[in-house]
Amino acid sequence: MDCRFVGFGVVEIDGETYERDLVIEDGRVRRRKKGPSKPRRSEFGHTPLTAAERIPWSAPTLVIGSGADGQLPVTDDLYREAARRGITVVVRPTPEACEMLSASEPGSVAAILHVTC
């Protein structure tokens, strides 16, 4: 998969441009639905990534692109659920996460990419 952080708010995957947070699983791209995490927004000043969302647990590694400047909060419940499932979580600013995705073998990673902050 060719993943490239174009700039603040924009990611390109296999030639397709996206301006929303994304979830990548089994080679498919879908929009991240933050609704289940919004109740915890006041704790962080920003909607965090929580285990309440539809997380792509299908690969042994979950790469989280934490935004252009790495500001996306990832909650402890997500780390606990990943550990329970035996999944490694790697959190990097989105430009680095895109590089990791581009270098990974298909099926070896799933990802959540935050495209702003």
Protein backbone atom coordinates (compact mmCIF):
# COMPACT_ATOMS: atom_id res chain seq x y z
CA MET A 1 0.00 0.00 0.00
CA ASP A 2 1.34 3.40 -0.95
CA CYS A 3 0.56 5.88 1.83
CA ARG A 4 1.74 9.47 1.80
CA PHE A 5 1.10 12.37 4.16
CA VAL A 6 0.56 15.25 1.74
CA GLY A 7 0.17 17.97 4.36
CA PHE A 8 -1.97 19.08 7.27
CA GLY A 9 -5.38 17.47 6.79
CA VAL A 10 -4.51 15.47 3.66
CA VAL A 11 -3.32 11.87 3.17
CA GLU A 12 -2.96 10.05 -0.14
CA ILE A 13 -3.37 6.27 -0.29
CA ASP A 14 -2.74 4.42 -3.54
CA GLY A 15 -3.35 7.64 -5.48
CA GLU A 16 -6.62 8.50 -3.71
CA THR A 17 -6.74 11.70 -1.64
CA TYR A 18 -8.44 11.75 1.77
CA GLU A 19 -9.17 14.75 3.99
CA ARG A 20 -10.68 12.86 6.93
CA ASP A 21 -9.35 10.52 9.60
CA LEU A 22 -9.07 7.01 8.23
CA VAL A 23 -9.05 3.38 9.25
CA ILE A 24 -7.13 0.90 7.10
CA GLU A 25 -7.82 -2.80 7.47
CA ASP A 26 -7.19 -5.69 5.09
CA GLY A 27 -6.21 -3.24 2.34
CA ARG A 28 -9.51 -1.37 2.60
CA VAL A 29 -9.86 2.26 3.62
CA ARG A 30 -12.82 3.61 5.56
CA ARG A 31 -13.61 6.78 7.43
CA ARG A 32 -12.90 6.86 11.16
CA LYS A 33 -16.10 7.37 13.12
CA LYS A 34 -15.15 9.28 16.27
CA GLY A 35 -18.62 9.31 17.83
CA PRO A 36 -17.99 6.59 20.43
CA SER A 37 -14.92 8.49 21.70
CA LYS A 38 -16.52 11.95 21.84
CA PRO A 39 -17.82 11.59 25.43
CA ARG A 40 -14.16 11.63 26.58
CA ARG A 41 -13.30 14.80 24.69
CA SER A 42 -13.47 17.02 27.79
CA GLU A 43 -10.75 14.93 29.47
CA PHE A 44 -8.28 15.67 26.68
CA GLY A 45 -9.42 18.91 25.03
CA HIS A 46 -9.61 16.91 21.80
CA THR A 47 -11.50 13.77 20.81
CA PRO A 48 -9.16 10.92 21.77
CA LEU A 49 -8.86 7.48 20.21
CA THR A 50 -10.55 4.97 22.51
CA ALA A 51 -11.35 1.27 22.42
CA ALA A 52 -15.03 2.23 22.08
CA GLU A 53 -14.48 2.94 18.37
CA ARG A 54 -14.50 0.31 15.63
CA ILE A 55 -10.80 -0.55 15.92
CA PRO A 56 -9.17 -2.72 13.21
CA TRP A 57 -7.99 -5.62 15.37
CA SER A 58 -7.36 -8.00 12.44
CA ALA A 59 -3.56 -7.58 12.08
CA PRO A 60 -0.77 -8.32 14.56
CA THR A 61 0.27 -4.64 14.56
CA LEU A 62 -1.92 -1.55 14.82
CA VAL A 63 -0.22 1.61 13.57
CA ILE A 64 -1.78 4.82 14.84
CA GLY A 65 -0.96 8.02 13.00
CA SER A 66 -1.34 10.59 15.77
CA GLY A 67 -1.62 13.63 13.50
CA ALA A 68 0.69 16.03 11.72
CA ASP A 69 2.22 17.07 15.04
CA GLY A 70 1.47 13.89 16.98
CA GLN A 71 -1.30 15.39 19.13
CA LEU A 72 -4.01 12.67 18.98
CA PRO A 73 -4.52 11.28 22.49
CA VAL A 74 -4.70 7.48 22.70
CA THR A 75 -6.44 6.22 25.83
CA ASP A 76 -5.28 3.50 28.19
CA ASP A 77 -8.34 1.37 27.45
CA LEU A 78 -7.19 1.00 23.84
CA TYR A 79 -3.73 -0.17 24.95
CA ARG A 80 -5.28 -2.62 27.43
CA GLU A 81 -7.59 -4.09 24.77
CA ALA A 82 -4.70 -4.42 22.33
CA ALA A 83 -2.62 -6.23 24.97
CA ARG A 84 -5.54 -8.54 25.74
CA ARG A 85 -5.71 -9.41 22.04
CA GLY A 86 -1.93 -9.78 21.65
CA ILE A 87 -1.68 -6.84 19.25
CA THR A 88 1.28 -4.46 19.17
CA VAL A 89 0.33 -0.78 19.06
CA VAL A 90 2.72 1.67 17.41
CA VAL A 91 1.88 5.37 17.73
CA ARG A 92 3.76 7.81 15.50
CA PRO A 93 3.01 11.20 13.95
CA THR A 94 1.00 10.58 10.78
CA PRO A 95 3.87 11.33 8.34
CA GLU A 96 5.93 8.57 10.01
CA ALA A 97 2.93 6.24 10.23
CA CYS A 98 2.42 6.61 6.47
CA GLU A 99 6.05 5.66 5.87
CA MET A 100 5.59 2.58 8.05
CA LEU A 101 2.46 1.56 6.14
CA SER A 102 4.19 1.97 2.79
CA ALA A 103 7.07 -0.24 3.94
CA SER A 104 4.88 -2.95 5.52
CA GLU A 105 3.80 -6.27 4.10
CA PRO A 106 0.09 -6.52 3.19
CA GLY A 107 -1.92 -7.91 6.08
CA SER A 108 0.83 -7.35 8.65
CA VAL A 109 -0.55 -4.04 9.89
CA ALA A 110 -3.85 -2.26 10.31
CA ALA A 111 -3.93 1.50 10.85
CA ILE A 112 -5.82 4.49 12.12
CA LEU A 113 -4.64 7.81 10.70
CA HIS A 114 -5.46 11.18 12.21
CA VAL A 115 -4.84 13.78 9.49
CA THR A 116 -4.85 17.07 11.43
CA CYS A 117 -3.08 18.25 14.61
